[in-house]
Amino acid sequence: VQRLRTKIGQERIDTVRGFGYKLRG
């Protein structure tokens, strides 16, 4: 996920603590 963020934008994928990740719509 971190590698993907560096390529598509750190702000594009949010971390939801205790649950996982989500893509900003």
mmCIF file of all heavy atoms, coordinates in Angstrom:
data_MODEL
# 
_entry.id   MODEL 
# 
loop_
_atom_site.group_PDB 
_atom_site.id 
_atom_site.type_symbol 
_atom_site.label_atom_id 
_atom_site.label_alt_id 
_atom_site.label_comp_id 
_atom_site.label_asym_id 
_atom_site.label_entity_id 
_atom_site.label_seq_id 
_atom_site.pdbx_PDB_ins_code 
_atom_site.Cartn_x 
_atom_site.Cartn_y 
_atom_site.Cartn_z 
_atom_site.occupancy 
_atom_site.B_iso_or_equiv 
_atom_site.pdbx_formal_charge 
_atom_site.auth_seq_id 
_atom_site.auth_comp_id 
_atom_site.auth_asym_id 
_atom_site.auth_atom_id 
_atom_site.pdbx_PDB_model_num 
ATOM 1   N N   . VAL A 1 1  ? 0.846   -1.199 0.000  1.00 0.00 ? 1  VAL A N   1 
ATOM 2   C CA  . VAL A 1 1  ? 0.000   0.000  0.000  1.00 0.00 ? 1  VAL A CA  1 
ATOM 3   C C   . VAL A 1 1  ? 0.879   1.245  0.000  1.00 0.00 ? 1  VAL A C   1 
ATOM 4   O O   . VAL A 1 1  ? 0.625   2.210  -0.732 1.00 0.00 ? 1  VAL A O   1 
ATOM 5   C CB  . VAL A 1 1  ? -0.965  0.005  1.201  1.00 0.00 ? 1  VAL A CB  1 
ATOM 6   C CG1 . VAL A 1 1  ? -1.613  1.378  1.374  1.00 0.00 ? 1  VAL A CG1 1 
ATOM 7   C CG2 . VAL A 1 1  ? -2.055  -1.047 1.013  1.00 0.00 ? 1  VAL A CG2 1 
ATOM 8   N N   . GLN A 1 2  ? 1.927   1.240  0.810  1.00 0.00 ? 2  GLN A N   1 
ATOM 9   C CA  . GLN A 1 2  ? 2.814   2.393  0.861  1.00 0.00 ? 2  GLN A CA  1 
ATOM 10  C C   . GLN A 1 2  ? 3.529   2.605  -0.474 1.00 0.00 ? 2  GLN A C   1 
ATOM 11  O O   . GLN A 1 2  ? 3.673   3.746  -0.945 1.00 0.00 ? 2  GLN A O   1 
ATOM 12  C CB  . GLN A 1 2  ? 3.846   2.225  1.981  1.00 0.00 ? 2  GLN A CB  1 
ATOM 13  C CG  . GLN A 1 2  ? 4.748   3.427  2.184  1.00 0.00 ? 2  GLN A CG  1 
ATOM 14  C CD  . GLN A 1 2  ? 3.977   4.721  2.421  1.00 0.00 ? 2  GLN A CD  1 
ATOM 15  O OE1 . GLN A 1 2  ? 2.954   4.730  3.096  1.00 0.00 ? 2  GLN A OE1 1 
ATOM 16  N NE2 . GLN A 1 2  ? 4.443   5.817  1.844  1.00 0.00 ? 2  GLN A NE2 1 
ATOM 17  N N   . ARG A 1 3  ? 3.958   1.521  -1.110 1.00 0.00 ? 3  ARG A N   1 
ATOM 18  C CA  . ARG A 1 3  ? 4.592   1.643  -2.430 1.00 0.00 ? 3  ARG A CA  1 
ATOM 19  C C   . ARG A 1 3  ? 3.605   2.196  -3.453 1.00 0.00 ? 3  ARG A C   1 
ATOM 20  O O   . ARG A 1 3  ? 3.965   3.020  -4.300 1.00 0.00 ? 3  ARG A O   1 
ATOM 21  C CB  . ARG A 1 3  ? 5.123   0.281  -2.889 1.00 0.00 ? 3  ARG A CB  1 
ATOM 22  C CG  . ARG A 1 3  ? 6.447   -0.110 -2.238 1.00 0.00 ? 3  ARG A CG  1 
ATOM 23  C CD  . ARG A 1 3  ? 6.840   -1.535 -2.519 1.00 0.00 ? 3  ARG A CD  1 
ATOM 24  N NE  . ARG A 1 3  ? 6.700   -1.896 -3.924 1.00 0.00 ? 3  ARG A NE  1 
ATOM 25  C CZ  . ARG A 1 3  ? 6.787   -3.144 -4.369 1.00 0.00 ? 3  ARG A CZ  1 
ATOM 26  N NH1 . ARG A 1 3  ? 6.990   -4.140 -3.522 1.00 0.00 ? 3  ARG A NH1 1 
ATOM 27  N NH2 . ARG A 1 3  ? 6.668   -3.412 -5.645 1.00 0.00 ? 3  ARG A NH2 1 
ATOM 28  N N   . LEU A 1 4  ? 2.357   1.731  -3.374 1.00 0.00 ? 4  LEU A N   1 
ATOM 29  C CA  . LEU A 1 4  ? 1.339   2.219  -4.298 1.00 0.00 ? 4  LEU A CA  1 
ATOM 30  C C   . LEU A 1 4  ? 1.068   3.698  -4.070 1.00 0.00 ? 4  LEU A C   1 
ATOM 31  O O   . LEU A 1 4  ? 0.915   4.473  -5.030 1.00 0.00 ? 4  LEU A O   1 
ATOM 32  C CB  . LEU A 1 4  ? 0.060   1.396  -4.125 1.00 0.00 ? 4  LEU A CB  1 
ATOM 33  C CG  . LEU A 1 4  ? -1.110  1.729  -5.056 1.00 0.00 ? 4  LEU A CG  1 
ATOM 34  C CD1 . LEU A 1 4  ? -0.713  1.538  -6.523 1.00 0.00 ? 4  LEU A CD1 1 
ATOM 35  C CD2 . LEU A 1 4  ? -2.319  0.854  -4.718 1.00 0.00 ? 4  LEU A CD2 1 
ATOM 36  N N   . ARG A 1 5  ? 1.032   4.112  -2.814 1.00 0.00 ? 5  ARG A N   1 
ATOM 37  C CA  . ARG A 1 5  ? 0.801   5.523  -2.506 1.00 0.00 ? 5  ARG A CA  1 
ATOM 38  C C   . ARG A 1 5  ? 1.866   6.420  -3.116 1.00 0.00 ? 5  ARG A C   1 
ATOM 39  O O   . ARG A 1 5  ? 1.577   7.526  -3.584 1.00 0.00 ? 5  ARG A O   1 
ATOM 40  C CB  . ARG A 1 5  ? 0.786   5.724  -0.988 1.00 0.00 ? 5  ARG A CB  1 
ATOM 41  C CG  . ARG A 1 5  ? -0.522  5.381  -0.305 1.00 0.00 ? 5  ARG A CG  1 
ATOM 42  C CD  . ARG A 1 5  ? -0.334  5.439  1.186  1.00 0.00 ? 5  ARG A CD  1 
ATOM 43  N NE  . ARG A 1 5  ? -1.606  5.427  1.904  1.00 0.00 ? 5  ARG A NE  1 
ATOM 44  C CZ  . ARG A 1 5  ? -1.732  5.052  3.173  1.00 0.00 ? 5  ARG A CZ  1 
ATOM 45  N NH1 . ARG A 1 5  ? -0.662  4.660  3.855  1.00 0.00 ? 5  ARG A NH1 1 
ATOM 46  N NH2 . ARG A 1 5  ? -2.909  5.096  3.762  1.00 0.00 ? 5  ARG A NH2 1 
ATOM 47  N N   . THR A 1 6  ? 3.120   5.990  -3.083 1.00 0.00 ? 6  THR A N   1 
ATOM 48  C CA  . THR A 1 6  ? 4.190   6.831  -3.625 1.00 0.00 ? 6  THR A CA  1 
ATOM 49  C C   . THR A 1 6  ? 4.023   7.044  -5.123 1.00 0.00 ? 6  THR A C   1 
ATOM 50  O O   . THR A 1 6  ? 4.544   8.018  -5.670 1.00 0.00 ? 6  THR A O   1 
ATOM 51  C CB  . THR A 1 6  ? 5.573   6.203  -3.357 1.00 0.00 ? 6  THR A CB  1 
ATOM 52  O OG1 . THR A 1 6  ? 5.688   4.951  -4.056 1.00 0.00 ? 6  THR A OG1 1 
ATOM 53  C CG2 . THR A 1 6  ? 5.795   5.984  -1.873 1.00 0.00 ? 6  THR A CG2 1 
ATOM 54  N N   . LYS A 1 7  ? 3.273   6.158  -5.778 1.00 0.00 ? 7  LYS A N   1 
ATOM 55  C CA  . LYS A 1 7  ? 3.108   6.255  -7.229 1.00 0.00 ? 7  LYS A CA  1 
ATOM 56  C C   . LYS A 1 7  ? 1.829   6.975  -7.641 1.00 0.00 ? 7  LYS A C   1 
ATOM 57  O O   . LYS A 1 7  ? 1.812   7.657  -8.672 1.00 0.00 ? 7  LYS A O   1 
ATOM 58  C CB  . LYS A 1 7  ? 3.155   4.852  -7.852 1.00 0.00 ? 7  LYS A CB  1 
ATOM 59  C CG  . LYS A 1 7  ? 4.495   4.151  -7.668 1.00 0.00 ? 7  LYS A CG  1 
ATOM 60  C CD  . LYS A 1 7  ? 4.521   2.794  -8.347 1.00 0.00 ? 7  LYS A CD  1 
ATOM 61  C CE  . LYS A 1 7  ? 5.889   2.134  -8.191 1.00 0.00 ? 7  LYS A CE  1 
ATOM 62  N NZ  . LYS A 1 7  ? 5.971   0.837  -8.903 1.00 0.00 ? 7  LYS A NZ  1 
ATOM 63  N N   . ILE A 1 8  ? 0.768   6.812  -6.859 1.00 0.00 ? 8  ILE A N   1 
ATOM 64  C CA  . ILE A 1 8  ? -0.505  7.408  -7.268 1.00 0.00 ? 8  ILE A CA  1 
ATOM 65  C C   . ILE A 1 8  ? -0.888  8.602  -6.401 1.00 0.00 ? 8  ILE A C   1 
ATOM 66  O O   . ILE A 1 8  ? -1.904  9.254  -6.666 1.00 0.00 ? 8  ILE A O   1 
ATOM 67  C CB  . ILE A 1 8  ? -1.653  6.370  -7.247 1.00 0.00 ? 8  ILE A CB  1 
ATOM 68  C CG1 . ILE A 1 8  ? -1.961  5.923  -5.815 1.00 0.00 ? 8  ILE A CG1 1 
ATOM 69  C CG2 . ILE A 1 8  ? -1.317  5.176  -8.140 1.00 0.00 ? 8  ILE A CG2 1 
ATOM 70  C CD1 . ILE A 1 8  ? -3.219  5.071  -5.700 1.00 0.00 ? 8  ILE A CD1 1 
ATOM 71  N N   . GLY A 1 9  ? -0.088  8.892  -5.364 1.00 0.00 ? 9  GLY A N   1 
ATOM 72  C CA  . GLY A 1 9  ? -0.390  10.016 -4.486 1.00 0.00 ? 9  GLY A CA  1 
ATOM 73  C C   . GLY A 1 9  ? -0.688  9.542  -3.080 1.00 0.00 ? 9  GLY A C   1 
ATOM 74  O O   . GLY A 1 9  ? -1.557  8.689  -2.879 1.00 0.00 ? 9  GLY A O   1 
ATOM 75  N N   . GLN A 1 10 ? 0.035   10.087 -2.100 1.00 0.00 ? 10 GLN A N   1 
ATOM 76  C CA  . GLN A 1 10 ? -0.152  9.663  -0.717 1.00 0.00 ? 10 GLN A CA  1 
ATOM 77  C C   . GLN A 1 10 ? -1.576  9.884  -0.238 1.00 0.00 ? 10 GLN A C   1 
ATOM 78  O O   . GLN A 1 10 ? -2.095  9.124  0.589  1.00 0.00 ? 10 GLN A O   1 
ATOM 79  C CB  . GLN A 1 10 ? 0.832   10.442 0.187  1.00 0.00 ? 10 GLN A CB  1 
ATOM 80  C CG  . GLN A 1 10 ? 2.295   10.124 -0.039 1.00 0.00 ? 10 GLN A CG  1 
ATOM 81  C CD  . GLN A 1 10 ? 2.678   8.749  0.465  1.00 0.00 ? 10 GLN A CD  1 
ATOM 82  O OE1 . GLN A 1 10 ? 1.964   8.148  1.265  1.00 0.00 ? 10 GLN A OE1 1 
ATOM 83  N NE2 . GLN A 1 10 ? 3.810   8.241  0.001  1.00 0.00 ? 10 GLN A NE2 1 
ATOM 84  N N   . GLU A 1 11 ? -2.219  10.925 -0.763 1.00 0.00 ? 11 GLU A N   1 
ATOM 85  C CA  . GLU A 1 11 ? -3.556  11.271 -0.288 1.00 0.00 ? 11 GLU A CA  1 
ATOM 86  C C   . GLU A 1 11 ? -4.652  10.404 -0.896 1.00 0.00 ? 11 GLU A C   1 
ATOM 87  O O   . GLU A 1 11 ? -5.809  10.466 -0.465 1.00 0.00 ? 11 GLU A O   1 
ATOM 88  C CB  . GLU A 1 11 ? -3.839  12.747 -0.615 1.00 0.00 ? 11 GLU A CB  1 
ATOM 89  C CG  . GLU A 1 11 ? -4.158  13.034 -2.084 1.00 0.00 ? 11 GLU A CG  1 
ATOM 90  C CD  . GLU A 1 11 ? -2.971  12.887 -3.029 1.00 0.00 ? 11 GLU A CD  1 
ATOM 91  O OE1 . GLU A 1 11 ? -1.831  12.833 -2.534 1.00 0.00 ? 11 GLU A OE1 1 
ATOM 92  O OE2 . GLU A 1 11 ? -3.185  12.822 -4.253 1.00 0.00 ? 11 GLU A OE2 1 
ATOM 93  N N   . ARG A 1 12 ? -4.320  9.593  -1.881 1.00 0.00 ? 12 ARG A N   1 
ATOM 94  C CA  . ARG A 1 12 ? -5.353  8.852  -2.607 1.00 0.00 ? 12 ARG A CA  1 
ATOM 95  C C   . ARG A 1 12 ? -5.890  7.670  -1.806 1.00 0.00 ? 12 ARG A C   1 
ATOM 96  O O   . ARG A 1 12 ? -7.048  7.263  -1.971 1.00 0.00 ? 12 ARG A O   1 
ATOM 97  C CB  . ARG A 1 12 ? -4.771  8.375  -3.953 1.00 0.00 ? 12 ARG A CB  1 
ATOM 98  C CG  . ARG A 1 12 ? -5.763  7.734  -4.905 1.00 0.00 ? 12 ARG A CG  1 
ATOM 99  C CD  . ARG A 1 12 ? -6.932  8.598  -5.225 1.00 0.00 ? 12 ARG A CD  1 
ATOM 100 N NE  . ARG A 1 12 ? -6.547  9.911  -5.731 1.00 0.00 ? 12 ARG A NE  1 
ATOM 101 C CZ  . ARG A 1 12 ? -7.373  10.928 -5.785 1.00 0.00 ? 12 ARG A CZ  1 
ATOM 102 N NH1 . ARG A 1 12 ? -8.603  10.809 -5.331 1.00 0.00 ? 12 ARG A NH1 1 
ATOM 103 N NH2 . ARG A 1 12 ? -6.968  12.096 -6.253 1.00 0.00 ? 12 ARG A NH2 1 
ATOM 104 N N   . ILE A 1 13 ? -5.064  7.063  -0.935 1.00 0.00 ? 13 ILE A N   1 
ATOM 105 C CA  . ILE A 1 13 ? -5.497  5.915  -0.140 1.00 0.00 ? 13 ILE A CA  1 
ATOM 106 C C   . ILE A 1 13 ? -5.451  6.292  1.335  1.00 0.00 ? 13 ILE A C   1 
ATOM 107 O O   . ILE A 1 13 ? -4.404  6.683  1.852  1.00 0.00 ? 13 ILE A O   1 
ATOM 108 C CB  . ILE A 1 13 ? -4.609  4.678  -0.392 1.00 0.00 ? 13 ILE A CB  1 
ATOM 109 C CG1 . ILE A 1 13 ? -4.666  4.264  -1.867 1.00 0.00 ? 13 ILE A CG1 1 
ATOM 110 C CG2 . ILE A 1 13 ? -5.045  3.512  0.495  1.00 0.00 ? 13 ILE A CG2 1 
ATOM 111 C CD1 . ILE A 1 13 ? -3.721  3.142  -2.223 1.00 0.00 ? 13 ILE A CD1 1 
ATOM 112 N N   . ASP A 1 14 ? -6.586  6.179  2.001  1.00 0.00 ? 14 ASP A N   1 
ATOM 113 C CA  . ASP A 1 14 ? -6.676  6.500  3.422  1.00 0.00 ? 14 ASP A CA  1 
ATOM 114 C C   . ASP A 1 14 ? -6.477  5.253  4.276  1.00 0.00 ? 14 ASP A C   1 
ATOM 115 O O   . ASP A 1 14 ? -6.927  4.155  3.917  1.00 0.00 ? 14 ASP A O   1 
ATOM 116 C CB  . ASP A 1 14 ? -8.056  7.085  3.759  1.00 0.00 ? 14 ASP A CB  1 
ATOM 117 C CG  . ASP A 1 14 ? -8.232  8.493  3.216  1.00 0.00 ? 14 ASP A CG  1 
ATOM 118 O OD1 . ASP A 1 14 ? -7.220  9.202  3.076  1.00 0.00 ? 14 ASP A OD1 1 
ATOM 119 O OD2 . ASP A 1 14 ? -9.387  8.877  2.943  1.00 0.00 ? 14 ASP A OD2 1 
ATOM 120 N N   . THR A 1 15 ? -5.810  5.438  5.412  1.00 0.00 ? 15 THR A N   1 
ATOM 121 C CA  . THR A 1 15 ? -5.716  4.383  6.427  1.00 0.00 ? 15 THR A CA  1 
ATOM 122 C C   . THR A 1 15 ? -6.848  4.569  7.433  1.00 0.00 ? 15 THR A C   1 
ATOM 123 O O   . THR A 1 15 ? -7.037  5.663  7.953  1.00 0.00 ? 15 THR A O   1 
ATOM 124 C CB  . THR A 1 15 ? -4.371  4.454  7.174  1.00 0.00 ? 15 THR A CB  1 
ATOM 125 O OG1 . THR A 1 15 ? -3.307  4.283  6.233  1.00 0.00 ? 15 THR A OG1 1 
ATOM 126 C CG2 . THR A 1 15 ? -4.278  3.367  8.230  1.00 0.00 ? 15 THR A CG2 1 
ATOM 127 N N   . VAL A 1 16 ? -7.588  3.517  7.674  1.00 0.00 ? 16 VAL A N   1 
ATOM 128 C CA  . VAL A 1 16 ? -8.640  3.533  8.692  1.00 0.00 ? 16 VAL A CA  1 
ATOM 129 C C   . VAL A 1 16 ? -8.155  2.639  9.826  1.00 0.00 ? 16 VAL A C   1 
ATOM 130 O O   . VAL A 1 16 ? -8.190  1.403  9.717  1.00 0.00 ? 16 VAL A O   1 
ATOM 131 C CB  . VAL A 1 16 ? -9.984  3.032  8.128  1.00 0.00 ? 16 VAL A CB  1 
ATOM 132 C CG1 . VAL A 1 16 ? -11.075 3.104  9.205  1.00 0.00 ? 16 VAL A CG1 1 
ATOM 133 C CG2 . VAL A 1 16 ? -10.398 3.853  6.907  1.00 0.00 ? 16 VAL A CG2 1 
ATOM 134 N N   . ARG A 1 17 ? -7.646  3.242  10.863 1.00 0.00 ? 17 ARG A N   1 
ATOM 135 C CA  . ARG A 1 17 ? -6.977  2.505  11.927 1.00 0.00 ? 17 ARG A CA  1 
ATOM 136 C C   . ARG A 1 17 ? -7.873  1.419  12.526 1.00 0.00 ? 17 ARG A C   1 
ATOM 137 O O   . ARG A 1 17 ? -9.032  1.661  12.850 1.00 0.00 ? 17 ARG A O   1 
ATOM 138 C CB  . ARG A 1 17 ? -6.529  3.461  13.041 1.00 0.00 ? 17 ARG A CB  1 
ATOM 139 C CG  . ARG A 1 17 ? -5.432  4.417  12.599 1.00 0.00 ? 17 ARG A CG  1 
ATOM 140 C CD  . ARG A 1 17 ? -4.869  5.191  13.781 1.00 0.00 ? 17 ARG A CD  1 
ATOM 141 N NE  . ARG A 1 17 ? -3.831  6.118  13.338 1.00 0.00 ? 17 ARG A NE  1 
ATOM 142 C CZ  . ARG A 1 17 ? -2.569  5.779  13.127 1.00 0.00 ? 17 ARG A CZ  1 
ATOM 143 N NH1 . ARG A 1 17 ? -2.200  4.535  13.293 1.00 0.00 ? 17 ARG A NH1 1 
ATOM 144 N NH2 . ARG A 1 17 ? -1.680  6.684  12.727 1.00 0.00 ? 17 ARG A NH2 1 
ATOM 145 N N   . GLY A 1 18 ? -7.283  0.250  12.631 1.00 0.00 ? 18 GLY A N   1 
ATOM 146 C CA  . GLY A 1 18 ? -8.001  -0.887 13.200 1.00 0.00 ? 18 GLY A CA  1 
ATOM 147 C C   . GLY A 1 18 ? -8.862  -1.627 12.216 1.00 0.00 ? 18 GLY A C   1 
ATOM 148 O O   . GLY A 1 18 ? -9.419  -2.688 12.549 1.00 0.00 ? 18 GLY A O   1 
ATOM 149 N N   . PHE A 1 19 ? -8.997  -1.094 10.971 1.00 0.00 ? 19 PHE A N   1 
ATOM 150 C CA  . PHE A 1 19 ? -9.877  -1.735 9.996  1.00 0.00 ? 19 PHE A CA  1 
ATOM 151 C C   . PHE A 1 19 ? -9.170  -2.052 8.672  1.00 0.00 ? 19 PHE A C   1 
ATOM 152 O O   . PHE A 1 19 ? -9.252  -3.164 8.169  1.00 0.00 ? 19 PHE A O   1 
ATOM 153 C CB  . PHE A 1 19 ? -11.101 -0.852 9.723  1.00 0.00 ? 19 PHE A CB  1 
ATOM 154 C CG  . PHE A 1 19 ? -11.993 -0.709 10.914 1.00 0.00 ? 19 PHE A CG  1 
ATOM 155 C CD1 . PHE A 1 19 ? -11.871 0.357  11.776 1.00 0.00 ? 19 PHE A CD1 1 
ATOM 156 C CD2 . PHE A 1 19 ? -12.962 -1.677 11.188 1.00 0.00 ? 19 PHE A CD2 1 
ATOM 157 C CE1 . PHE A 1 19 ? -12.675 0.498  12.885 1.00 0.00 ? 19 PHE A CE1 1 
ATOM 158 C CE2 . PHE A 1 19 ? -13.789 -1.550 12.295 1.00 0.00 ? 19 PHE A CE2 1 
ATOM 159 C CZ  . PHE A 1 19 ? -13.641 -0.468 13.156 1.00 0.00 ? 19 PHE A CZ  1 
ATOM 160 N N   . GLY A 1 20 ? -8.480  -1.071 8.085  1.00 0.00 ? 20 GLY A N   1 
ATOM 161 C CA  . GLY A 1 20 ? -7.844  -1.336 6.813  1.00 0.00 ? 20 GLY A CA  1 
ATOM 162 C C   . GLY A 1 20 ? -7.587  -0.075 6.025  1.00 0.00 ? 20 GLY A C   1 
ATOM 163 O O   . GLY A 1 20 ? -7.215  0.969  6.581  1.00 0.00 ? 20 GLY A O   1 
ATOM 164 N N   . TYR A 1 21 ? -7.859  -0.127 4.743  1.00 0.00 ? 21 TYR A N   1 
ATOM 165 C CA  . TYR A 1 21 ? -7.582  0.994  3.837  1.00 0.00 ? 21 TYR A CA  1 
ATOM 166 C C   . TYR A 1 21 ? -8.784  1.228  2.918  1.00 0.00 ? 21 TYR A C   1 
ATOM 167 O O   . TYR A 1 21 ? -9.590  0.314  2.670  1.00 0.00 ? 21 TYR A O   1 
ATOM 168 C CB  . TYR A 1 21 ? -6.372  0.703  2.955  1.00 0.00 ? 21 TYR A CB  1 
ATOM 169 C CG  . TYR A 1 21 ? -5.089  0.459  3.712  1.00 0.00 ? 21 TYR A CG  1 
ATOM 170 C CD1 . TYR A 1 21 ? -4.636  -0.832 3.953  1.00 0.00 ? 21 TYR A CD1 1 
ATOM 171 C CD2 . TYR A 1 21 ? -4.303  1.522  4.158  1.00 0.00 ? 21 TYR A CD2 1 
ATOM 172 C CE1 . TYR A 1 21 ? -3.456  -1.067 4.639  1.00 0.00 ? 21 TYR A CE1 1 
ATOM 173 C CE2 . TYR A 1 21 ? -3.113  1.294  4.828  1.00 0.00 ? 21 TYR A CE2 1 
ATOM 174 C CZ  . TYR A 1 21 ? -2.697  -0.003 5.067  1.00 0.00 ? 21 TYR A CZ  1 
ATOM 175 O OH  . TYR A 1 21 ? -1.515  -0.205 5.740  1.00 0.00 ? 21 TYR A OH  1 
ATOM 176 N N   . LYS A 1 22 ? -8.871  2.458  2.398  1.00 0.00 ? 22 LYS A N   1 
ATOM 177 C CA  . LYS A 1 22 ? -9.903  2.736  1.405  1.00 0.00 ? 22 LYS A CA  1 
ATOM 178 C C   . LYS A 1 22 ? -9.386  3.742  0.392  1.00 0.00 ? 22 LYS A C   1 
ATOM 179 O O   . LYS A 1 22 ? -8.547  4.601  0.697  1.00 0.00 ? 22 LYS A O   1 
ATOM 180 C CB  . LYS A 1 22 ? -11.181 3.258  2.062  1.00 0.00 ? 22 LYS A CB  1 
ATOM 181 C CG  . LYS A 1 22 ? -11.050 4.641  2.711  1.00 0.00 ? 22 LYS A CG  1 
ATOM 182 C CD  . LYS A 1 22 ? -12.381 5.109  3.281  1.00 0.00 ? 22 LYS A CD  1 
ATOM 183 C CE  . LYS A 1 22 ? -12.260 6.486  3.927  1.00 0.00 ? 22 LYS A CE  1 
ATOM 184 N NZ  . LYS A 1 22 ? -13.552 6.964  4.472  1.00 0.00 ? 22 LYS A NZ  1 
ATOM 185 N N   . LEU A 1 23 ? -9.866  3.610  -0.838 1.00 0.00 ? 23 LEU A N   1 
ATOM 186 C CA  . LEU A 1 23 ? -9.536  4.543  -1.902 1.00 0.00 ? 23 LEU A CA  1 
ATOM 187 C C   . LEU A 1 23 ? -10.530 5.705  -1.854 1.00 0.00 ? 23 LEU A C   1 
ATOM 188 O O   . LEU A 1 23 ? -11.744 5.496  -1.798 1.00 0.00 ? 23 LEU A O   1 
ATOM 189 C CB  . LEU A 1 23 ? -9.621  3.848  -3.264 1.00 0.00 ? 23 LEU A CB  1 
ATOM 190 C CG  . LEU A 1 23 ? -9.280  4.696  -4.486 1.00 0.00 ? 23 LEU A CG  1 
ATOM 191 C CD1 . LEU A 1 23 ? -7.782  5.000  -4.541 1.00 0.00 ? 23 LEU A CD1 1 
ATOM 192 C CD2 . LEU A 1 23 ? -9.713  3.963  -5.766 1.00 0.00 ? 23 LEU A CD2 1 
ATOM 193 N N   . ARG A 1 24 ? -10.002 6.924  -1.894 1.00 0.00 ? 24 ARG A N   1 
ATOM 194 C CA  . ARG A 1 24 ? -10.883 8.075  -1.919 1.00 0.00 ? 24 ARG A CA  1 
ATOM 195 C C   . ARG A 1 24 ? -11.651 8.136  -3.238 1.00 0.00 ? 24 ARG A C   1 
ATOM 196 O O   . ARG A 1 24 ? -11.057 8.056  -4.297 1.00 0.00 ? 24 ARG A O   1 
ATOM 197 C CB  . ARG A 1 24 ? -10.088 9.368  -1.745 1.00 0.00 ? 24 ARG A CB  1 
ATOM 198 C CG  . ARG A 1 24 ? -9.505  9.552  -0.347 1.00 0.00 ? 24 ARG A CG  1 
ATOM 199 C CD  . ARG A 1 24 ? -8.919  10.932 -0.178 1.00 0.00 ? 24 ARG A CD  1 
ATOM 200 N NE  . ARG A 1 24 ? -8.317  11.105 1.148  1.00 0.00 ? 24 ARG A NE  1 
ATOM 201 C CZ  . ARG A 1 24 ? -7.759  12.227 1.553  1.00 0.00 ? 24 ARG A CZ  1 
ATOM 202 N NH1 . ARG A 1 24 ? -7.730  13.287 0.764  1.00 0.00 ? 24 ARG A NH1 1 
ATOM 203 N NH2 . ARG A 1 24 ? -7.223  12.307 2.754  1.00 0.00 ? 24 ARG A NH2 1 
ATOM 204 N N   . GLY A 1 25 ? -12.955 8.271  -3.153 1.00 0.00 ? 25 GLY A N   1 
ATOM 205 C CA  . GLY A 1 25 ? -13.768 8.303  -4.350 1.00 0.00 ? 25 GLY A CA  1 
ATOM 206 C C   . GLY A 1 25 ? -13.698 9.648  -5.063 1.00 0.00 ? 25 GLY A C   1 
ATOM 207 O O   . GLY A 1 25 ? -13.162 10.602 -4.554 1.00 0.00 ? 25 GLY A O   1 
# 
